[in-house]
Amino acid sequence: MNQNQRKQAAALSYNPDGAAAPIIKAKGKGIMADQIIEAAKQSNIPIQEDPGLVELLGQLEINEAIPEDLYQAVAEVFAFVYRLDKRLDP
């Protein structure tokens, strides 16, 4: 398996009272991606699979705000998480 075929993951954080945009909290490939995904599962954090988006997020640095050209794609991820939270909220 070559470098481009390895599993990738990125974790985002957004605080509407803080930063103007979501920031990259973690990113990785291969084993690191597996660890990020496992940590999310253990913390009951929803996971959205989007290989194209994670490839772009992987180019950013940890604690870097996402650029404006990714706002729409990341907003869709946060909307997915919001809808999922609403379904699970008793």
PDB file of N, CA and C in Angstrom:
ATOM      1  N   MET A   1       0.857  -1.178   0.000  1.00  0.00           N
ATOM      2  CA  MET A   1       0.000   0.000   0.000  1.00  0.00           C
ATOM      3  C   MET A   1       0.898   1.234   0.000  1.00  0.00           C
ATOM      4  N   ASN A   2       0.661   2.157  -0.929  1.00  0.00           N
ATOM      5  CA  ASN A   2       1.511   3.347  -0.968  1.00  0.00           C
ATOM      6  C   ASN A   2       0.959   4.447  -0.070  1.00  0.00           C
ATOM      7  N   GLN A   3       1.718   5.528   0.062  1.00  0.00           N
ATOM      8  CA  GLN A   3       1.381   6.641   0.968  1.00  0.00           C
ATOM      9  C   GLN A   3       0.004   7.221   0.679  1.00  0.00           C
ATOM     10  N   ASN A   4      -0.372   7.315  -0.598  1.00  0.00           N
ATOM     11  CA  ASN A   4      -1.652   7.921  -0.957  1.00  0.00           C
ATOM     12  C   ASN A   4      -2.853   7.040  -0.619  1.00  0.00           C
ATOM     13  N   GLN A   5      -2.627   5.735  -0.374  1.00  0.00           N
ATOM     14  CA  GLN A   5      -3.726   4.837  -0.081  1.00  0.00           C
ATOM     15  C   GLN A   5      -3.930   4.632   1.417  1.00  0.00           C
ATOM     16  N   ARG A   6      -3.068   5.189   2.240  1.00  0.00           N
ATOM     17  CA  ARG A   6      -3.194   5.008   3.684  1.00  0.00           C
ATOM     18  C   ARG A   6      -4.406   5.761   4.216  1.00  0.00           C
ATOM     19  N   LYS A   7      -5.023   5.170   5.227  1.00  0.00           N
ATOM     20  CA  LYS A   7      -6.162   5.822   5.885  1.00  0.00           C
ATOM     21  C   LYS A   7      -5.715   7.160   6.460  1.00  0.00           C
ATOM     22  N   GLN A   8      -6.579   8.151   6.361  1.00  0.00           N
ATOM     23  CA  GLN A   8      -6.294   9.479   6.903  1.00  0.00           C
ATOM     24  C   GLN A   8      -7.444   9.914   7.806  1.00  0.00           C
ATOM     25  N   ALA A   9      -7.117  10.747   8.775  1.00  0.00           N
ATOM     26  CA  ALA A   9      -8.144  11.293   9.654  1.00  0.00           C
ATOM     27  C   ALA A   9      -7.728  12.691  10.092  1.00  0.00           C
ATOM     28  N   ALA A  10      -8.732  13.509  10.361  1.00  0.00           N
ATOM     29  CA  ALA A  10      -8.500  14.843  10.901  1.00  0.00           C
ATOM     30  C   ALA A  10      -9.609  15.135  11.906  1.00  0.00           C
ATOM     31  N   ALA A  11      -9.248  15.810  12.978  1.00  0.00           N
ATOM     32  CA  ALA A  11     -10.225  16.183  14.003  1.00  0.00           C
ATOM     33  C   ALA A  11     -10.328  17.698  14.034  1.00  0.00           C
ATOM     34  N   LEU A  12     -11.561  18.176  14.061  1.00  0.00           N
ATOM     35  CA  LEU A  12     -11.827  19.611  14.077  1.00  0.00           C
ATOM     36  C   LEU A  12     -12.458  20.023  15.400  1.00  0.00           C
ATOM     37  N   SER A  13     -12.244  21.276  15.740  1.00  0.00           N
ATOM     38  CA  SER A  13     -12.872  21.857  16.922  1.00  0.00           C
ATOM     39  C   SER A  13     -13.373  23.244  16.533  1.00  0.00           C
ATOM     40  N   TYR A  14     -14.534  23.599  17.085  1.00  0.00           N
ATOM     41  CA  TYR A  14     -15.067  24.934  16.814  1.00  0.00           C
ATOM     42  C   TYR A  14     -15.703  25.488  18.069  1.00  0.00           C
ATOM     43  N   ASN A  15     -15.314  26.678  18.418  1.00  0.00           N
ATOM     44  CA  ASN A  15     -15.881  27.390  19.551  1.00  0.00           C
ATOM     45  C   ASN A  15     -16.421  28.713  19.023  1.00  0.00           C
ATOM     46  N   PRO A  16     -17.741  28.839  18.889  1.00  0.00           N
ATOM     47  CA  PRO A  16     -18.300  30.067  18.314  1.00  0.00           C
ATOM     48  C   PRO A  16     -17.972  31.317  19.131  1.00  0.00           C
ATOM     49  N   ASP A  17     -17.637  31.143  20.401  1.00  0.00           N
ATOM     50  CA  ASP A  17     -17.268  32.294  21.228  1.00  0.00           C
ATOM     51  C   ASP A  17     -15.779  32.605  21.148  1.00  0.00           C
ATOM     52  N   GLY A  18     -15.051  31.771  20.446  1.00  0.00           N
ATOM     53  CA  GLY A  18     -13.599  31.935  20.362  1.00  0.00           C
ATOM     54  C   GLY A  18     -13.150  32.274  18.949  1.00  0.00           C
ATOM     55  N   ALA A  19     -12.524  31.313  18.314  1.00  0.00           N
ATOM     56  CA  ALA A  19     -11.961  31.513  16.972  1.00  0.00           C
ATOM     57  C   ALA A  19     -13.064  31.775  15.952  1.00  0.00           C
ATOM     58  N   ALA A  20     -12.699  32.485  14.900  1.00  0.00           N
ATOM     59  CA  ALA A  20     -13.650  32.807  13.847  1.00  0.00           C
ATOM     60  C   ALA A  20     -13.976  31.596  12.982  1.00  0.00           C
ATOM     61  N   ALA A  21     -13.089  30.600  12.975  1.00  0.00           N
ATOM     62  CA  ALA A  21     -13.273  29.417  12.134  1.00  0.00           C
ATOM     63  C   ALA A  21     -12.876  28.170  12.915  1.00  0.00           C
ATOM     64  N   PRO A  22     -13.371  27.011  12.491  1.00  0.00           N
ATOM     65  CA  PRO A  22     -12.931  25.767  13.115  1.00  0.00           C
ATOM     66  C   PRO A  22     -11.416  25.605  12.969  1.00  0.00           C
ATOM     67  N   ILE A  23     -10.825  24.883  13.900  1.00  0.00           N
ATOM     68  CA  ILE A  23      -9.379  24.649  13.846  1.00  0.00           C
ATOM     69  C   ILE A  23      -9.096  23.153  13.807  1.00  0.00           C
ATOM     70  N   ILE A  24      -7.947  22.809  13.283  1.00  0.00           N
ATOM     71  CA  ILE A  24      -7.473  21.431  13.230  1.00  0.00           C
ATOM     72  C   ILE A  24      -6.911  21.074  14.600  1.00  0.00           C
ATOM     73  N   LYS A  25      -7.479  20.055  15.240  1.00  0.00           N
ATOM     74  CA  LYS A  25      -7.004  19.628  16.557  1.00  0.00           C
ATOM     75  C   LYS A  25      -6.092  18.414  16.463  1.00  0.00           C
ATOM     76  N   ALA A  26      -6.286  17.587  15.444  1.00  0.00           N
ATOM     77  CA  ALA A  26      -5.448  16.404  15.246  1.00  0.00           C
ATOM     78  C   ALA A  26      -5.536  15.996  13.789  1.00  0.00           C
ATOM     79  N   LYS A  27      -4.485  15.355  13.306  1.00  0.00           N
ATOM     80  CA  LYS A  27      -4.496  14.828  11.946  1.00  0.00           C
ATOM     81  C   LYS A  27      -3.459  13.722  11.870  1.00  0.00           C
ATOM     82  N   GLY A  28      -3.659  12.802  10.952  1.00  0.00           N
ATOM     83  CA  GLY A  28      -2.685  11.742  10.804  1.00  0.00           C
ATOM     84  C   GLY A  28      -3.077  10.750   9.731  1.00  0.00           C
ATOM     85  N   LYS A  29      -2.110   9.900   9.409  1.00  0.00           N
ATOM     86  CA  LYS A  29      -2.307   8.842   8.423  1.00  0.00           C
ATOM     87  C   LYS A  29      -1.942   7.512   9.058  1.00  0.00           C
ATOM     88  N   GLY A  30      -2.478   6.435   8.501  1.00  0.00           N
ATOM     89  CA  GLY A  30      -2.128   5.098   8.955  1.00  0.00           C
ATOM     90  C   GLY A  30      -2.516   4.860  10.405  1.00  0.00           C
ATOM     91  N   ILE A  31      -1.537   4.455  11.201  1.00  0.00           N
ATOM     92  CA  ILE A  31      -1.782   4.152  12.611  1.00  0.00           C
ATOM     93  C   ILE A  31      -2.297   5.378  13.357  1.00  0.00           C
ATOM     94  N   MET A  32      -1.747   6.543  13.056  1.00  0.00           N
ATOM     95  CA  MET A  32      -2.205   7.771  13.716  1.00  0.00           C
ATOM     96  C   MET A  32      -3.675   8.036  13.381  1.00  0.00           C
ATOM     97  N   ALA A  33      -4.074   7.811  12.149  1.00  0.00           N
ATOM     98  CA  ALA A  33      -5.480   7.975  11.759  1.00  0.00           C
ATOM     99  C   ALA A  33      -6.354   7.007  12.551  1.00  0.00           C
ATOM    100  N   ASP A  34      -5.896   5.767  12.678  1.00  0.00           N
ATOM    101  CA  ASP A  34      -6.647   4.780  13.461  1.00  0.00           C
ATOM    102  C   ASP A  34      -6.824   5.247  14.904  1.00  0.00           C
ATOM    103  N   GLN A  35      -5.780   5.831  15.480  1.00  0.00           N
ATOM    104  CA  GLN A  35      -5.844   6.305  16.865  1.00  0.00           C
ATOM    105  C   GLN A  35      -6.809   7.483  17.007  1.00  0.00           C
ATOM    106  N   ILE A  36      -6.813   8.389  16.040  1.00  0.00           N
ATOM    107  CA  ILE A  36      -7.734   9.528  16.063  1.00  0.00           C
ATOM    108  C   ILE A  36      -9.178   9.019  15.991  1.00  0.00           C
ATOM    109  N   ILE A  37      -9.427   8.084  15.093  1.00  0.00           N
ATOM    110  CA  ILE A  37     -10.775   7.532  14.932  1.00  0.00           C
ATOM    111  C   ILE A  37     -11.205   6.789  16.196  1.00  0.00           C
ATOM    112  N   GLU A  38     -10.315   6.004  16.765  1.00  0.00           N
ATOM    113  CA  GLU A  38     -10.638   5.265  17.990  1.00  0.00           C
ATOM    114  C   GLU A  38     -10.923   6.221  19.147  1.00  0.00           C
ATOM    115  N   ALA A  39     -10.136   7.284  19.277  1.00  0.00           N
ATOM    116  CA  ALA A  39     -10.373   8.265  20.337  1.00  0.00           C
ATOM    117  C   ALA A  39     -11.734   8.931  20.159  1.00  0.00           C
ATOM    118  N   ALA A  40     -12.092   9.238  18.920  1.00  0.00           N
ATOM    119  CA  ALA A  40     -13.408   9.831  18.655  1.00  0.00           C
ATOM    120  C   ALA A  40     -14.517   8.866  19.053  1.00  0.00           C
ATOM    121  N   LYS A  41     -14.371   7.599  18.677  1.00  0.00           N
ATOM    122  CA  LYS A  41     -15.387   6.604  19.020  1.00  0.00           C
ATOM    123  C   LYS A  41     -15.531   6.468  20.535  1.00  0.00           C
ATOM    124  N   GLN A  42     -14.405   6.405  21.247  1.00  0.00           N
ATOM    125  CA  GLN A  42     -14.442   6.256  22.699  1.00  0.00           C
ATOM    126  C   GLN A  42     -15.088   7.458  23.381  1.00  0.00           C
ATOM    127  N   SER A  43     -14.976   8.623  22.751  1.00  0.00           N
ATOM    128  CA  SER A  43     -15.551   9.850  23.315  1.00  0.00           C
ATOM    129  C   SER A  43     -16.933  10.150  22.750  1.00  0.00           C
ATOM    130  N   ASN A  44     -17.485   9.201  21.991  1.00  0.00           N
ATOM    131  CA  ASN A  44     -18.801   9.380  21.362  1.00  0.00           C
ATOM    132  C   ASN A  44     -18.870  10.609  20.471  1.00  0.00           C
ATOM    133  N   ILE A  45     -17.783  10.885  19.781  1.00  0.00           N
ATOM    134  CA  ILE A  45     -17.727  11.995  18.829  1.00  0.00           C
ATOM    135  C   ILE A  45     -18.103  11.446  17.455  1.00  0.00           C
ATOM    136  N   PRO A  46     -19.093  12.028  16.802  1.00  0.00           N
ATOM    137  CA  PRO A  46     -19.498  11.525  15.483  1.00  0.00           C
ATOM    138  C   PRO A  46     -18.354  11.598  14.476  1.00  0.00           C
ATOM    139  N   ILE A  47     -18.346  10.640  13.576  1.00  0.00           N
ATOM    140  CA  ILE A  47     -17.315  10.560  12.541  1.00  0.00           C
ATOM    141  C   ILE A  47     -17.986  10.716  11.184  1.00  0.00           C
ATOM    142  N   GLN A  48     -17.466  11.617  10.391  1.00  0.00           N
ATOM    143  CA  GLN A  48     -17.951  11.839   9.031  1.00  0.00           C
ATOM    144  C   GLN A  48     -16.821  11.471   8.087  1.00  0.00           C
ATOM    145  N   GLU A  49     -17.086  10.567   7.156  1.00  0.00           N
ATOM    146  CA  GLU A  49     -16.057  10.158   6.202  1.00  0.00           C
ATOM    147  C   GLU A  49     -16.167  10.996   4.936  1.00  0.00           C
ATOM    148  N   ASP A  50     -15.088  11.698   4.608  1.00  0.00           N
ATOM    149  CA  ASP A  50     -15.008  12.494   3.391  1.00  0.00           C
ATOM    150  C   ASP A  50     -13.541  12.533   2.985  1.00  0.00           C
ATOM    151  N   PRO A  51     -13.097  11.556   2.178  1.00  0.00           N
ATOM    152  CA  PRO A  51     -11.672  11.461   1.828  1.00  0.00           C
ATOM    153  C   PRO A  51     -11.104  12.732   1.191  1.00  0.00           C
ATOM    154  N   GLY A  52     -11.883  13.391   0.361  1.00  0.00           N
ATOM    155  CA  GLY A  52     -11.394  14.616  -0.273  1.00  0.00           C
ATOM    156  C   GLY A  52     -11.149  15.721   0.737  1.00  0.00           C
ATOM    157  N   LEU A  53     -12.093  15.878   1.667  1.00  0.00           N
ATOM    158  CA  LEU A  53     -11.956  16.910   2.689  1.00  0.00           C
ATOM    159  C   LEU A  53     -10.802  16.598   3.627  1.00  0.00           C
ATOM    160  N   VAL A  54     -10.686  15.341   4.053  1.00  0.00           N
ATOM    161  CA  VAL A  54      -9.604  15.004   4.982  1.00  0.00           C
ATOM    162  C   VAL A  54      -8.241  15.183   4.312  1.00  0.00           C
ATOM    163  N   GLU A  55      -8.168  14.981   3.024  1.00  0.00           N
ATOM    164  CA  GLU A  55      -6.916  15.209   2.291  1.00  0.00           C
ATOM    165  C   GLU A  55      -6.539  16.696   2.366  1.00  0.00           C
ATOM    166  N   LEU A  56      -7.513  17.571   2.175  1.00  0.00           N
ATOM    167  CA  LEU A  56      -7.254  19.015   2.261  1.00  0.00           C
ATOM    168  C   LEU A  56      -6.930  19.445   3.693  1.00  0.00           C
ATOM    169  N   LEU A  57      -7.678  18.902   4.667  1.00  0.00           N
ATOM    170  CA  LEU A  57      -7.419  19.253   6.062  1.00  0.00           C
ATOM    171  C   LEU A  57      -6.036  18.762   6.501  1.00  0.00           C
ATOM    172  N   GLY A  58      -5.600  17.657   5.935  1.00  0.00           N
ATOM    173  CA  GLY A  58      -4.291  17.111   6.274  1.00  0.00           C
ATOM    174  C   GLY A  58      -3.138  18.008   5.861  1.00  0.00           C
ATOM    175  N   GLN A  59      -3.388  18.946   4.985  1.00  0.00           N
ATOM    176  CA  GLN A  59      -2.349  19.878   4.547  1.00  0.00           C
ATOM    177  C   GLN A  59      -2.174  21.042   5.521  1.00  0.00           C
ATOM    178  N   LEU A  60      -3.113  21.175   6.459  1.00  0.00           N
ATOM    179  CA  LEU A  60      -3.046  22.261   7.439  1.00  0.00           C
ATOM    180  C   LEU A  60      -2.233  21.824   8.647  1.00  0.00           C
ATOM    181  N   GLU A  61      -1.819  22.778   9.444  1.00  0.00           N
ATOM    182  CA  GLU A  61      -1.064  22.512  10.661  1.00  0.00           C
ATOM    183  C   GLU A  61      -2.010  22.369  11.849  1.00  0.00           C
ATOM    184  N   ILE A  62      -1.583  21.648  12.872  1.00  0.00           N
ATOM    185  CA  ILE A  62      -2.358  21.515  14.105  1.00  0.00           C
ATOM    186  C   ILE A  62      -2.569  22.918  14.679  1.00  0.00           C
ATOM    187  N   ASN A  63      -3.773  23.182  15.169  1.00  0.00           N
ATOM    188  CA  ASN A  63      -4.208  24.473  15.728  1.00  0.00           C
ATOM    189  C   ASN A  63      -4.326  25.579  14.684  1.00  0.00           C
ATOM    190  N   GLU A  64      -4.305  25.225  13.411  1.00  0.00           N
ATOM    191  CA  GLU A  64      -4.493  26.200  12.343  1.00  0.00           C
ATOM    192  C   GLU A  64      -5.982  26.281  12.011  1.00  0.00           C
ATOM    193  N   ALA A  65      -6.486  27.494  11.834  1.00  0.00           N
ATOM    194  CA  ALA A  65      -7.877  27.693  11.423  1.00  0.00           C
ATOM    195  C   ALA A  65      -8.029  27.252   9.975  1.00  0.00           C
ATOM    196  N   ILE A  66      -9.184  26.691   9.662  1.00  0.00           N
ATOM    197  CA  ILE A  66      -9.405  26.276   8.281  1.00  0.00           C
ATOM    198  C   ILE A  66      -9.531  27.520   7.397  1.00  0.00           C
ATOM    199  N   PRO A  67      -9.059  27.444   6.162  1.00  0.00           N
ATOM    200  CA  PRO A  67      -9.172  28.593   5.256  1.00  0.00           C
ATOM    201  C   PRO A  67     -10.605  28.763   4.755  1.00  0.00           C
ATOM    202  N   GLU A  68     -10.917  29.951   4.318  1.00  0.00           N
ATOM    203  CA  GLU A  68     -12.273  30.273   3.866  1.00  0.00           C
ATOM    204  C   GLU A  68     -12.764  29.354   2.760  1.00  0.00           C
ATOM    205  N   ASP A  69     -11.879  28.891   1.891  1.00  0.00           N
ATOM    206  CA  ASP A  69     -12.336  28.050   0.792  1.00  0.00           C
ATOM    207  C   ASP A  69     -12.815  26.673   1.262  1.00  0.00           C
ATOM    208  N   LEU A  70     -12.589  26.328   2.532  1.00  0.00           N
ATOM    209  CA  LEU A  70     -13.095  25.069   3.079  1.00  0.00           C
ATOM    210  C   LEU A  70     -14.312  25.262   3.986  1.00  0.00           C
ATOM    211  N   TYR A  71     -14.753  26.502   4.169  1.00  0.00           N
ATOM    212  CA  TYR A  71     -15.883  26.772   5.063  1.00  0.00           C
ATOM    213  C   TYR A  71     -17.117  25.953   4.701  1.00  0.00           C
ATOM    214  N   GLN A  72     -17.489  25.927   3.428  1.00  0.00           N
ATOM    215  CA  GLN A  72     -18.708  25.235   3.008  1.00  0.00           C
ATOM    216  C   GLN A  72     -18.619  23.744   3.330  1.00  0.00           C
ATOM    217  N   ALA A  73     -17.506  23.107   2.980  1.00  0.00           N
ATOM    218  CA  ALA A  73     -17.353  21.669   3.223  1.00  0.00           C
ATOM    219  C   ALA A  73     -17.360  21.360   4.719  1.00  0.00           C
ATOM    220  N   VAL A  74     -16.680  22.175   5.503  1.00  0.00           N
ATOM    221  CA  VAL A  74     -16.630  21.942   6.949  1.00  0.00           C
ATOM    222  C   VAL A  74     -17.993  22.255   7.577  1.00  0.00           C
ATOM    223  N   ALA A  75     -18.694  23.246   7.069  1.00  0.00           N
ATOM    224  CA  ALA A  75     -20.034  23.552   7.578  1.00  0.00           C
ATOM    225  C   ALA A  75     -20.960  22.354   7.375  1.00  0.00           C
ATOM    226  N   GLU A  76     -20.811  21.651   6.272  1.00  0.00           N
ATOM    227  CA  GLU A  76     -21.619  20.462   6.021  1.00  0.00           C
ATOM    228  C   GLU A  76     -21.317  19.367   7.042  1.00  0.00           C
ATOM    229  N   VAL A  77     -20.054  19.235   7.430  1.00  0.00           N
ATOM    230  CA  VAL A  77     -19.674  18.253   8.450  1.00  0.00           C
ATOM    231  C   VAL A  77     -20.310  18.623   9.783  1.00  0.00           C
ATOM    232  N   PHE A  78     -20.206  19.892  10.166  1.00  0.00           N
ATOM    233  CA  PHE A  78     -20.800  20.321  11.434  1.00  0.00           C
ATOM    234  C   PHE A  78     -22.325  20.196  11.404  1.00  0.00           C
ATOM    235  N   ALA A  79     -22.950  20.420  10.255  1.00  0.00           N
ATOM    236  CA  ALA A  79     -24.396  20.238  10.138  1.00  0.00           C
ATOM    237  C   ALA A  79     -24.751  18.765  10.330  1.00  0.00           C
ATOM    238  N   PHE A  80     -23.942  17.862   9.767  1.00  0.00           N
ATOM    239  CA  PHE A  80     -24.136  16.425   9.956  1.00  0.00           C
ATOM    240  C   PHE A  80     -24.080  16.081  11.442  1.00  0.00           C
ATOM    241  N   VAL A  81     -23.073  16.600  12.134  1.00  0.00           N
ATOM    242  CA  VAL A  81     -22.910  16.330  13.566  1.00  0.00           C
ATOM    243  C   VAL A  81     -24.104  16.887  14.342  1.00  0.00           C
ATOM    244  N   TYR A  82     -24.546  18.081  14.002  1.00  0.00           N
ATOM    245  CA  TYR A  82     -25.686  18.702  14.679  1.00  0.00           C
ATOM    246  C   TYR A  82     -26.944  17.849  14.508  1.00  0.00           C
ATOM    247  N   ARG A  83     -27.204  17.416  13.269  1.00  0.00           N
ATOM    248  CA  ARG A  83     -28.393  16.588  13.012  1.00  0.00           C
ATOM    249  C   ARG A  83     -28.303  15.268  13.772  1.00  0.00           C
ATOM    250  N   LEU A  84     -27.129  14.674  13.806  1.00  0.00           N
ATOM    251  CA  LEU A  84     -26.935  13.425  14.530  1.00  0.00           C
ATOM    252  C   LEU A  84     -27.165  13.623  16.018  1.00  0.00           C
ATOM    253  N   ASP A  85     -26.630  14.709  16.575  1.00  0.00           N
ATOM    254  CA  ASP A  85     -26.845  15.008  18.002  1.00  0.00           C
ATOM    255  C   ASP A  85     -28.323  15.177  18.300  1.00  0.00           C
ATOM    256  N   LYS A  86     -29.060  15.838  17.419  1.00  0.00           N
ATOM    257  CA  LYS A  86     -30.491  16.061  17.634  1.00  0.00           C
ATOM    258  C   LYS A  86     -31.255  14.744  17.638  1.00  0.00           C
ATOM    259  N   ARG A  87     -30.852  13.801  16.778  1.00  0.00           N
ATOM    260  CA  ARG A  87     -31.512  12.501  16.746  1.00  0.00           C
ATOM    261  C   ARG A  87     -31.243  11.692  17.996  1.00  0.00           C
ATOM    262  N   LEU A  88     -30.060  11.834  18.550  1.00  0.00           N
ATOM    263  CA  LEU A  88     -29.669  11.050  19.720  1.00  0.00           C
ATOM    264  C   LEU A  88     -30.106  11.680  21.027  1.00  0.00           C
ATOM    265  N   ASP A  89     -30.484  12.968  20.989  1.00  0.00           N
ATOM    266  CA  ASP A  89     -30.891  13.686  22.198  1.00  0.00           C
ATOM    267  C   ASP A  89     -32.300  13.247  22.597  1.00  0.00           C
ATOM    268  N   PRO A  90     -32.456  12.658  23.798  1.00  0.00           N
ATOM    269  CA  PRO A  90     -33.780  12.173  24.202  1.00  0.00           C
ATOM    270  C   PRO A  90     -34.747  13.295  24.525  1.00  0.00           C
TER     271      PRO A  90
END
